[in-house]
Amino acid sequence: MVNADGSETDELRAKTWLANAYGPRNLAKVAIEQNKTLVHYSSDYVWDGREKIHKDDEVVAPLRWFYGESMAAGGDGG
């Protein structure tokens, strides 16, 4: 789900979470089962723009709460 504006609406929240959080989680499970590497690129929406360089263990600070949270959840397994 790449519609950041639309994902903030009640109508698209469930679809947004399914696509951005559960989708990557399910792909990761399959990769683990098949002993494969999964590379997951997320969105810059998980960051608020204050810093230019980020670390893997850094706490996220989404620009748009729901969309950013859904993208961040996909990065940590949903």
PDB file of N, CA and C in Angstrom:
ATOM      1  N   MET A   1       0.864  -1.169   0.000  1.00  0.00           N
ATOM      2  CA  MET A   1       0.000   0.000   0.000  1.00  0.00           C
ATOM      3  C   MET A   1       0.903   1.221   0.000  1.00  0.00           C
ATOM      4  N   VAL A   2       0.836   1.989  -1.032  1.00  0.00           N
ATOM      5  CA  VAL A   2       1.703   3.155  -1.128  1.00  0.00           C
ATOM      6  C   VAL A   2       0.941   4.473  -1.065  1.00  0.00           C
ATOM      7  N   ASN A   3      -0.332   4.412  -0.759  1.00  0.00           N
ATOM      8  CA  ASN A   3      -1.160   5.612  -0.675  1.00  0.00           C
ATOM      9  C   ASN A   3      -1.118   6.146   0.752  1.00  0.00           C
ATOM     10  N   ALA A   4      -0.130   6.964   1.040  1.00  0.00           N
ATOM     11  CA  ALA A   4       0.054   7.463   2.402  1.00  0.00           C
ATOM     12  C   ALA A   4      -1.143   8.273   2.872  1.00  0.00           C
ATOM     13  N   ASP A   5      -1.673   9.117   2.025  1.00  0.00           N
ATOM     14  CA  ASP A   5      -2.835   9.916   2.422  1.00  0.00           C
ATOM     15  C   ASP A   5      -4.052   9.027   2.657  1.00  0.00           C
ATOM     16  N   GLY A   6      -4.324   8.145   1.719  1.00  0.00           N
ATOM     17  CA  GLY A   6      -5.494   7.284   1.822  1.00  0.00           C
ATOM     18  C   GLY A   6      -5.422   6.314   2.982  1.00  0.00           C
ATOM     19  N   SER A   7      -4.226   5.883   3.324  1.00  0.00           N
ATOM     20  CA  SER A   7      -4.077   4.905   4.399  1.00  0.00           C
ATOM     21  C   SER A   7      -4.468   5.464   5.757  1.00  0.00           C
ATOM     22  N   GLU A   8      -4.515   6.764   5.853  1.00  0.00           N
ATOM     23  CA  GLU A   8      -4.917   7.396   7.113  1.00  0.00           C
ATOM     24  C   GLU A   8      -6.434   7.404   7.292  1.00  0.00           C
ATOM     25  N   THR A   9      -7.178   6.997   6.279  1.00  0.00           N
ATOM     26  CA  THR A   9      -8.639   6.977   6.360  1.00  0.00           C
ATOM     27  C   THR A   9      -9.110   5.638   6.915  1.00  0.00           C
ATOM     28  N   ASP A  10     -10.262   5.647   7.554  1.00  0.00           N
ATOM     29  CA  ASP A  10     -10.819   4.418   8.118  1.00  0.00           C
ATOM     30  C   ASP A  10     -11.024   3.355   7.049  1.00  0.00           C
ATOM     31  N   GLU A  11     -11.371   3.763   5.834  1.00  0.00           N
ATOM     32  CA  GLU A  11     -11.664   2.814   4.762  1.00  0.00           C
ATOM     33  C   GLU A  11     -10.449   1.987   4.341  1.00  0.00           C
ATOM     34  N   LEU A  12      -9.260   2.549   4.455  1.00  0.00           N
ATOM     35  CA  LEU A  12      -8.065   1.847   3.966  1.00  0.00           C
ATOM     36  C   LEU A  12      -7.124   1.343   5.056  1.00  0.00           C
ATOM     37  N   ARG A  13      -7.445   1.590   6.302  1.00  0.00           N
ATOM     38  CA  ARG A  13      -6.517   1.180   7.367  1.00  0.00           C
ATOM     39  C   ARG A  13      -6.262  -0.326   7.382  1.00  0.00           C
ATOM     40  N   ALA A  14      -7.293  -1.126   7.270  1.00  0.00           N
ATOM     41  CA  ALA A  14      -7.105  -2.584   7.304  1.00  0.00           C
ATOM     42  C   ALA A  14      -6.253  -3.052   6.127  1.00  0.00           C
ATOM     43  N   LYS A  15      -6.537  -2.542   4.934  1.00  0.00           N
ATOM     44  CA  LYS A  15      -5.754  -2.923   3.756  1.00  0.00           C
ATOM     45  C   LYS A  15      -4.302  -2.469   3.893  1.00  0.00           C
ATOM     46  N   THR A  16      -4.121  -1.299   4.448  1.00  0.00           N
ATOM     47  CA  THR A  16      -2.773  -0.774   4.645  1.00  0.00           C
ATOM     48  C   THR A  16      -1.974  -1.689   5.570  1.00  0.00           C
ATOM     49  N   TRP A  17      -2.583  -2.089   6.690  1.00  0.00           N
ATOM     50  CA  TRP A  17      -1.873  -2.942   7.646  1.00  0.00           C
ATOM     51  C   TRP A  17      -1.580  -4.312   7.043  1.00  0.00           C
ATOM     52  N   LEU A  18      -2.542  -4.863   6.308  1.00  0.00           N
ATOM     53  CA  LEU A  18      -2.319  -6.159   5.668  1.00  0.00           C
ATOM     54  C   LEU A  18      -1.143  -6.097   4.697  1.00  0.00           C
ATOM     55  N   ALA A  19      -1.099  -5.066   3.878  1.00  0.00           N
ATOM     56  CA  ALA A  19      -0.055  -4.956   2.859  1.00  0.00           C
ATOM     57  C   ALA A  19       1.304  -4.599   3.439  1.00  0.00           C
ATOM     58  N   ASN A  20       1.335  -3.639   4.338  1.00  0.00           N
ATOM     59  CA  ASN A  20       2.613  -3.096   4.794  1.00  0.00           C
ATOM     60  C   ASN A  20       3.198  -3.799   6.014  1.00  0.00           C
ATOM     61  N   ALA A  21       2.373  -4.408   6.835  1.00  0.00           N
ATOM     62  CA  ALA A  21       2.875  -5.083   8.037  1.00  0.00           C
ATOM     63  C   ALA A  21       2.854  -6.600   7.871  1.00  0.00           C
ATOM     64  N   TYR A  22       1.684  -7.149   7.568  1.00  0.00           N
ATOM     65  CA  TYR A  22       1.572  -8.611   7.462  1.00  0.00           C
ATOM     66  C   TYR A  22       2.215  -9.164   6.196  1.00  0.00           C
ATOM     67  N   GLY A  23       2.186  -8.410   5.106  1.00  0.00           N
ATOM     68  CA  GLY A  23       2.815  -8.882   3.871  1.00  0.00           C
ATOM     69  C   GLY A  23       4.287  -9.197   4.056  1.00  0.00           C
ATOM     70  N   PRO A  24       5.083  -8.249   4.530  1.00  0.00           N
ATOM     71  CA  PRO A  24       6.503  -8.540   4.755  1.00  0.00           C
ATOM     72  C   PRO A  24       6.729  -9.623   5.807  1.00  0.00           C
ATOM     73  N   ARG A  25       5.867  -9.678   6.835  1.00  0.00           N
ATOM     74  CA  ARG A  25       6.007 -10.729   7.840  1.00  0.00           C
ATOM     75  C   ARG A  25       5.845 -12.100   7.201  1.00  0.00           C
ATOM     76  N   ASN A  26       4.847 -12.245   6.347  1.00  0.00           N
ATOM     77  CA  ASN A  26       4.611 -13.533   5.695  1.00  0.00           C
ATOM     78  C   ASN A  26       5.741 -13.888   4.740  1.00  0.00           C
ATOM     79  N   LEU A  27       6.263 -12.900   4.031  1.00  0.00           N
ATOM     80  CA  LEU A  27       7.407 -13.156   3.160  1.00  0.00           C
ATOM     81  C   LEU A  27       8.624 -13.600   3.964  1.00  0.00           C
ATOM     82  N   ALA A  28       8.826 -12.987   5.119  1.00  0.00           N
ATOM     83  CA  ALA A  28       9.952 -13.364   5.975  1.00  0.00           C
ATOM     84  C   ALA A  28       9.808 -14.799   6.476  1.00  0.00           C
ATOM     85  N   LYS A  29       8.585 -15.193   6.824  1.00  0.00           N
ATOM     86  CA  LYS A  29       8.370 -16.578   7.279  1.00  0.00           C
ATOM     87  C   LYS A  29       8.731 -17.570   6.181  1.00  0.00           C
ATOM     88  N   VAL A  30       8.310 -17.300   4.959  1.00  0.00           N
ATOM     89  CA  VAL A  30       8.622 -18.193   3.839  1.00  0.00           C
ATOM     90  C   VAL A  30      10.127 -18.218   3.595  1.00  0.00           C
ATOM     91  N   ALA A  31      10.773 -17.072   3.654  1.00  0.00           N
ATOM     92  CA  ALA A  31      12.225 -17.013   3.449  1.00  0.00           C
ATOM     93  C   ALA A  31      12.953 -17.854   4.487  1.00  0.00           C
ATOM     94  N   ILE A  32      12.515 -17.767   5.734  1.00  0.00           N
ATOM     95  CA  ILE A  32      13.137 -18.559   6.794  1.00  0.00           C
ATOM     96  C   ILE A  32      12.933 -20.043   6.539  1.00  0.00           C
ATOM     97  N   GLU A  33      11.703 -20.427   6.193  1.00  0.00           N
ATOM     98  CA  GLU A  33      11.399 -21.836   5.920  1.00  0.00           C
ATOM     99  C   GLU A  33      12.251 -22.393   4.782  1.00  0.00           C
ATOM    100  N   GLN A  34      12.538 -21.561   3.795  1.00  0.00           N
ATOM    101  CA  GLN A  34      13.285 -22.007   2.623  1.00  0.00           C
ATOM    102  C   GLN A  34      14.769 -21.632   2.686  1.00  0.00           C
ATOM    103  N   ASN A  35      15.199 -21.177   3.857  1.00  0.00           N
ATOM    104  CA  ASN A  35      16.592 -20.800   4.062  1.00  0.00           C
ATOM    105  C   ASN A  35      17.064 -19.791   3.013  1.00  0.00           C
ATOM    106  N   LYS A  36      16.246 -18.777   2.791  1.00  0.00           N
ATOM    107  CA  LYS A  36      16.553 -17.724   1.828  1.00  0.00           C
ATOM    108  C   LYS A  36      16.739 -16.399   2.560  1.00  0.00           C
ATOM    109  N   THR A  37      17.355 -15.465   1.896  1.00  0.00           N
ATOM    110  CA  THR A  37      17.532 -14.120   2.434  1.00  0.00           C
ATOM    111  C   THR A  37      16.459 -13.212   1.852  1.00  0.00           C
ATOM    112  N   LEU A  38      15.821 -12.462   2.707  1.00  0.00           N
ATOM    113  CA  LEU A  38      14.827 -11.485   2.271  1.00  0.00           C
ATOM    114  C   LEU A  38      15.374 -10.094   2.537  1.00  0.00           C
ATOM    115  N   VAL A  39      15.396  -9.267   1.508  1.00  0.00           N
ATOM    116  CA  VAL A  39      15.791  -7.875   1.663  1.00  0.00           C
ATOM    117  C   VAL A  39      14.516  -7.056   1.528  1.00  0.00           C
ATOM    118  N   HIS A  40      14.195  -6.307   2.569  1.00  0.00           N
ATOM    119  CA  HIS A  40      12.949  -5.538   2.592  1.00  0.00           C
ATOM    120  C   HIS A  40      13.276  -4.060   2.641  1.00  0.00           C
ATOM    121  N   TYR A  41      12.907  -3.364   1.593  1.00  0.00           N
ATOM    122  CA  TYR A  41      13.057  -1.912   1.557  1.00  0.00           C
ATOM    123  C   TYR A  41      11.744  -1.314   2.013  1.00  0.00           C
ATOM    124  N   SER A  42      11.818  -0.402   2.914  1.00  0.00           N
ATOM    125  CA  SER A  42      10.618   0.209   3.452  1.00  0.00           C
ATOM    126  C   SER A  42      10.479   1.622   2.916  1.00  0.00           C
ATOM    127  N   SER A  43       9.966   2.481   3.726  1.00  0.00           N
ATOM    128  CA  SER A  43       9.636   3.835   3.324  1.00  0.00           C
ATOM    129  C   SER A  43      10.314   4.845   4.229  1.00  0.00           C
ATOM    130  N   ASP A  44      10.601   5.992   3.678  1.00  0.00           N
ATOM    131  CA  ASP A  44      11.140   7.050   4.520  1.00  0.00           C
ATOM    132  C   ASP A  44      10.064   7.633   5.439  1.00  0.00           C
ATOM    133  N   TYR A  45       8.815   7.194   5.291  1.00  0.00           N
ATOM    134  CA  TYR A  45       7.749   7.673   6.169  1.00  0.00           C
ATOM    135  C   TYR A  45       7.898   7.174   7.604  1.00  0.00           C
ATOM    136  N   VAL A  46       8.788   6.235   7.849  1.00  0.00           N
ATOM    137  CA  VAL A  46       8.998   5.794   9.232  1.00  0.00           C
ATOM    138  C   VAL A  46       9.869   6.782   9.999  1.00  0.00           C
ATOM    139  N   TRP A  47      10.405   7.768   9.295  1.00  0.00           N
ATOM    140  CA  TRP A  47      11.241   8.782   9.923  1.00  0.00           C
ATOM    141  C   TRP A  47      10.592  10.146   9.798  1.00  0.00           C
ATOM    142  N   ASP A  48      10.868  11.013  10.730  1.00  0.00           N
ATOM    143  CA  ASP A  48      10.263  12.342  10.741  1.00  0.00           C
ATOM    144  C   ASP A  48      11.085  13.394  10.003  1.00  0.00           C
ATOM    145  N   GLY A  49      12.238  13.016   9.479  1.00  0.00           N
ATOM    146  CA  GLY A  49      13.046  13.937   8.697  1.00  0.00           C
ATOM    147  C   GLY A  49      14.070  14.744   9.481  1.00  0.00           C
ATOM    148  N   ARG A  50      14.122  14.545  10.779  1.00  0.00           N
ATOM    149  CA  ARG A  50      15.073  15.320  11.591  1.00  0.00           C
ATOM    150  C   ARG A  50      16.517  14.870  11.397  1.00  0.00           C
ATOM    151  N   GLU A  51      16.708  13.585  11.164  1.00  0.00           N
ATOM    152  CA  GLU A  51      18.050  13.029  10.979  1.00  0.00           C
ATOM    153  C   GLU A  51      18.204  12.540   9.548  1.00  0.00           C
ATOM    154  N   LYS A  52      19.428  12.600   9.029  1.00  0.00           N
ATOM    155  CA  LYS A  52      19.671  12.131   7.665  1.00  0.00           C
ATOM    156  C   LYS A  52      20.177  10.696   7.625  1.00  0.00           C
ATOM    157  N   ILE A  53      20.811  10.248   8.690  1.00  0.00           N
ATOM    158  CA  ILE A  53      21.368   8.891   8.760  1.00  0.00           C
ATOM    159  C   ILE A  53      20.684   8.160   9.915  1.00  0.00           C
ATOM    160  N   HIS A  54      20.288   6.925   9.656  1.00  0.00           N
ATOM    161  CA  HIS A  54      19.573   6.142  10.665  1.00  0.00           C
ATOM    162  C   HIS A  54      20.263   4.805  10.910  1.00  0.00           C
ATOM    163  N   LYS A  55      20.003   4.236  12.080  1.00  0.00           N
ATOM    164  CA  LYS A  55      20.549   2.940  12.464  1.00  0.00           C
ATOM    165  C   LYS A  55      19.410   1.930  12.535  1.00  0.00           C
ATOM    166  N   ASP A  56      19.736   0.657  12.352  1.00  0.00           N
ATOM    167  CA  ASP A  56      18.733  -0.401  12.368  1.00  0.00           C
ATOM    168  C   ASP A  56      17.956  -0.461  13.676  1.00  0.00           C
ATOM    169  N   ASP A  57      18.594  -0.157  14.785  1.00  0.00           N
ATOM    170  CA  ASP A  57      17.932  -0.285  16.086  1.00  0.00           C
ATOM    171  C   ASP A  57      17.303   1.026  16.572  1.00  0.00           C
ATOM    172  N   GLU A  58      17.272   2.021  15.712  1.00  0.00           N
ATOM    173  CA  GLU A  58      16.718   3.317  16.072  1.00  0.00           C
ATOM    174  C   GLU A  58      15.192   3.244  16.196  1.00  0.00           C
ATOM    175  N   VAL A  59      14.649   3.966  17.144  1.00  0.00           N
ATOM    176  CA  VAL A  59      13.198   4.039  17.321  1.00  0.00           C
ATOM    177  C   VAL A  59      12.621   4.874  16.184  1.00  0.00           C
ATOM    178  N   VAL A  60      11.554   4.372  15.563  1.00  0.00           N
ATOM    179  CA  VAL A  60      10.947   5.098  14.450  1.00  0.00           C
ATOM    180  C   VAL A  60      10.157   6.299  14.950  1.00  0.00           C
ATOM    181  N   ALA A  61       9.961   7.250  14.055  1.00  0.00           N
ATOM    182  CA  ALA A  61       9.185   8.458  14.347  1.00  0.00           C
ATOM    183  C   ALA A  61       8.417   8.815  13.076  1.00  0.00           C
ATOM    184  N   PRO A  62       7.300   8.125  12.822  1.00  0.00           N
ATOM    185  CA  PRO A  62       6.584   8.293  11.546  1.00  0.00           C
ATOM    186  C   PRO A  62       6.058   9.706  11.314  1.00  0.00           C
ATOM    187  N   LEU A  63       6.113  10.120  10.046  1.00  0.00           N
ATOM    188  CA  LEU A  63       5.525  11.390   9.641  1.00  0.00           C
ATOM    189  C   LEU A  63       4.001  11.316   9.705  1.00  0.00           C
ATOM    190  N   ARG A  64       3.471  10.314   9.121  1.00  0.00           N
ATOM    191  CA  ARG A  64       2.027  10.075   9.139  1.00  0.00           C
ATOM    192  C   ARG A  64       1.840   8.850  10.004  1.00  0.00           C
ATOM    193  N   TRP A  65       1.127   9.006  11.085  1.00  0.00           N
ATOM    194  CA  TRP A  65       1.123   7.976  12.104  1.00  0.00           C
ATOM    195  C   TRP A  65       0.776   6.595  11.574  1.00  0.00           C
ATOM    196  N   PHE A  66      -0.379   6.394  11.010  1.00  0.00           N
ATOM    197  CA  PHE A  66      -0.792   5.035  10.651  1.00  0.00           C
ATOM    198  C   PHE A  66       0.058   4.459   9.529  1.00  0.00           C
ATOM    199  N   TYR A  67       0.251   5.209   8.479  1.00  0.00           N
ATOM    200  CA  TYR A  67       1.048   4.725   7.360  1.00  0.00           C
ATOM    201  C   TYR A  67       2.474   4.399   7.807  1.00  0.00           C
ATOM    202  N   GLY A  68       3.098   5.316   8.495  1.00  0.00           N
ATOM    203  CA  GLY A  68       4.456   5.092   8.990  1.00  0.00           C
ATOM    204  C   GLY A  68       4.554   3.913   9.935  1.00  0.00           C
ATOM    205  N   GLU A  69       3.578   3.777  10.830  1.00  0.00           N
ATOM    206  CA  GLU A  69       3.558   2.634  11.750  1.00  0.00           C
ATOM    207  C   GLU A  69       3.411   1.326  10.995  1.00  0.00           C
ATOM    208  N   SER A  70       2.584   1.295   9.959  1.00  0.00           N
ATOM    209  CA  SER A  70       2.392   0.059   9.201  1.00  0.00           C
ATOM    210  C   SER A  70       3.681  -0.319   8.483  1.00  0.00           C
ATOM    211  N   MET A  71       4.392   0.665   7.949  1.00  0.00           N
ATOM    212  CA  MET A  71       5.652   0.389   7.282  1.00  0.00           C
ATOM    213  C   MET A  71       6.707  -0.086   8.285  1.00  0.00           C
ATOM    214  N   ALA A  72       6.742   0.532   9.443  1.00  0.00           N
ATOM    215  CA  ALA A  72       7.700   0.124  10.474  1.00  0.00           C
ATOM    216  C   ALA A  72       7.401  -1.288  10.966  1.00  0.00           C
ATOM    217  N   ALA A  73       6.135  -1.617  11.118  1.00  0.00           N
ATOM    218  CA  ALA A  73       5.757  -2.958  11.575  1.00  0.00           C
ATOM    219  C   ALA A  73       6.185  -4.016  10.572  1.00  0.00           C
ATOM    220  N   GLY A  74       6.147  -3.677   9.296  1.00  0.00           N
ATOM    221  CA  GLY A  74       6.608  -4.620   8.277  1.00  0.00           C
ATOM    222  C   GLY A  74       8.094  -4.885   8.383  1.00  0.00           C
ATOM    223  N   GLY A  75       8.827  -3.932   8.898  1.00  0.00           N
ATOM    224  CA  GLY A  75      10.271  -4.098   9.061  1.00  0.00           C
ATOM    225  C   GLY A  75      10.644  -4.919  10.284  1.00  0.00           C
ATOM    226  N   ASP A  76       9.730  -5.028  11.242  1.00  0.00           N
ATOM    227  CA  ASP A  76      10.049  -5.817  12.436  1.00  0.00           C
ATOM    228  C   ASP A  76       9.177  -7.058  12.565  1.00  0.00           C
ATOM    229  N   GLY A  77       8.520  -7.431  11.484  1.00  0.00           N
ATOM    230  CA  GLY A  77       7.761  -8.666  11.500  1.00  0.00           C
ATOM    231  C   GLY A  77       6.273  -8.501  11.638  1.00  0.00           C
ATOM    232  N   GLY A  78       5.773  -7.266  11.639  1.00  0.00           N
ATOM    233  CA  GLY A  78       4.326  -7.061  11.636  1.00  0.00           C
ATOM    234  C   GLY A  78       3.724  -7.189  12.981  1.00  0.00           C
TER     235      GLY A  78
END
